[in-house]
Amino acid sequence: MLNKIKAGAQLGHYPLVYFDEAGFAASPPVQYGWSPRGKPHETEPQEHDRRSVLGALNYTDKTLFYQKTSRKITRNEVIDFLKHLPQQGDHRPEIFYVGKVPIPSRDLKKK
């Protein structure tokens, strides 16, 4: 199904945009250490910087748009990001492919 959508985008029937978000931490949330035998492991939480990124790749013209922040991404930030993507200036429907959303196996064709 995705191959058909890609083909339509390449022919100019509609824009296809891949969208995803990712979060990164400068240090892992769980620190490794040791503890005396028979005692539970204890560690002090460490401060670490978090970076989150929203990204959209226009498959048709290969342009990349992104937004970065130092906090977790909220639903409203995603909506705002998508609203502010450059518009095509016409009334063709836009198709968004969102990362981490599984495509039902019934929609996949085996080659």
Protein backbone atom coordinates (compact mmCIF):
# COMPACT_ATOMS: atom_id res chain seq x y z
CA MET A 1 0.00 0.00 0.00
CA LEU A 2 2.80 2.42 0.85
CA ASN A 3 4.42 1.78 -2.55
CA LYS A 4 1.18 2.85 -4.28
CA ILE A 5 1.09 6.02 -2.17
CA LYS A 6 4.74 6.75 -3.02
CA ALA A 7 4.04 6.28 -6.73
CA GLY A 8 1.11 8.71 -6.60
CA ALA A 9 3.27 11.28 -4.80
CA GLN A 10 6.04 10.94 -7.39
CA LEU A 11 3.49 11.56 -10.15
CA GLY A 12 2.41 14.75 -8.38
CA HIS A 13 -1.10 13.63 -7.42
CA TYR A 14 -0.54 14.67 -3.79
CA PRO A 15 2.29 15.50 -1.41
CA LEU A 16 3.51 12.70 0.85
CA VAL A 17 5.05 13.71 4.16
CA TYR A 18 6.83 11.36 6.56
CA PHE A 19 6.46 12.55 10.15
CA ASP A 20 8.15 11.33 13.33
CA GLU A 21 9.39 12.52 16.69
CA ALA A 22 12.26 11.39 18.86
CA GLY A 23 13.54 12.15 22.33
CA PHE A 24 17.17 11.97 23.44
CA ALA A 25 18.83 12.18 26.84
CA ALA A 26 22.46 13.15 27.37
CA SER A 27 22.84 10.46 30.02
CA PRO A 28 20.91 7.26 30.49
CA PRO A 29 18.12 7.38 33.09
CA VAL A 30 19.51 4.30 34.87
CA GLN A 31 23.06 4.57 36.17
CA TYR A 32 25.15 1.46 36.75
CA GLY A 33 26.97 0.90 39.98
CA TRP A 34 27.69 -1.61 42.66
CA SER A 35 26.22 -2.42 46.04
CA PRO A 36 27.43 -4.46 48.97
CA ARG A 37 26.42 -8.11 48.88
CA GLY A 38 22.88 -8.52 50.17
CA LYS A 39 22.05 -4.81 49.85
CA PRO A 40 19.90 -3.30 47.10
CA HIS A 41 21.52 -1.11 44.49
CA GLU A 42 21.13 2.59 45.27
CA THR A 43 22.05 5.53 43.11
CA GLU A 44 21.44 9.24 43.18
CA PRO A 45 19.49 10.61 40.24
CA GLN A 46 21.65 12.73 37.97
CA GLU A 47 20.59 15.81 36.10
CA HIS A 48 20.63 15.31 32.36
CA ASP A 49 19.58 17.36 29.41
CA ARG A 50 16.73 16.16 27.28
CA ARG A 51 16.26 17.03 23.63
CA SER A 52 13.20 16.23 21.60
CA VAL A 53 12.82 16.66 17.87
CA LEU A 54 9.81 16.75 15.57
CA GLY A 55 10.62 16.10 11.93
CA ALA A 56 8.76 15.99 8.63
CA LEU A 57 10.27 14.90 5.31
CA ASN A 58 8.40 15.85 2.16
CA TYR A 59 8.91 12.73 0.03
CA THR A 60 7.99 14.51 -3.20
CA ASP A 61 10.56 17.33 -3.15
CA LYS A 62 12.91 15.91 -0.47
CA THR A 63 12.66 18.91 1.87
CA LEU A 64 13.12 18.41 5.60
CA PHE A 65 11.41 20.45 8.30
CA TYR A 66 12.18 20.07 11.98
CA GLN A 67 11.62 21.61 15.38
CA LYS A 68 13.68 20.92 18.49
CA THR A 69 12.90 21.49 22.15
CA SER A 70 14.43 20.72 25.54
CA ARG A 71 11.29 19.12 26.96
CA LYS A 72 8.90 16.30 26.13
CA ILE A 73 6.72 16.82 23.08
CA THR A 74 3.01 17.36 23.74
CA ARG A 75 0.01 16.69 21.53
CA ASN A 76 -0.55 20.42 21.03
CA GLU A 77 3.06 20.92 19.89
CA VAL A 78 2.62 18.18 17.27
CA ILE A 79 -0.59 19.78 15.98
CA ASP A 80 1.06 23.22 15.89
CA PHE A 81 4.09 21.80 14.04
CA LEU A 82 1.93 20.11 11.40
CA LYS A 83 -0.18 23.25 10.92
CA HIS A 84 2.91 25.31 10.17
CA LEU A 85 4.46 23.05 7.55
CA PRO A 86 4.78 24.91 4.26
CA GLN A 87 1.56 24.65 2.29
CA GLN A 88 1.55 23.49 -1.32
CA GLY A 89 -0.74 26.35 -2.37
CA ASP A 90 -3.28 24.07 -3.99
CA HIS A 91 -6.12 21.93 -2.76
CA ARG A 92 -4.60 18.49 -3.24
CA PRO A 93 -5.01 16.22 -0.21
CA GLU A 94 -1.87 15.78 1.85
CA ILE A 95 -0.91 12.31 3.01
CA PHE A 96 1.06 11.97 6.23
CA TYR A 97 2.91 8.78 7.13
CA VAL A 98 3.52 8.76 10.86
CA GLY A 99 6.45 6.81 12.31
CA LYS A 100 5.80 4.05 14.85
CA VAL A 101 2.28 3.47 13.59
CA PRO A 102 1.99 -0.13 12.41
CA ILE A 103 0.31 -0.78 9.09
CA PRO A 104 -2.17 -3.67 9.42
CA SER A 105 -0.75 -6.81 7.81
CA ARG A 106 -3.86 -7.14 5.63
CA ASP A 107 -2.75 -3.92 3.89
CA LEU A 108 0.72 -5.25 3.09
CA LYS A 109 1.29 -7.20 -0.11
CA LYS A 110 4.04 -9.77 -0.24
CA LYS A 111 6.41 -9.60 -3.20
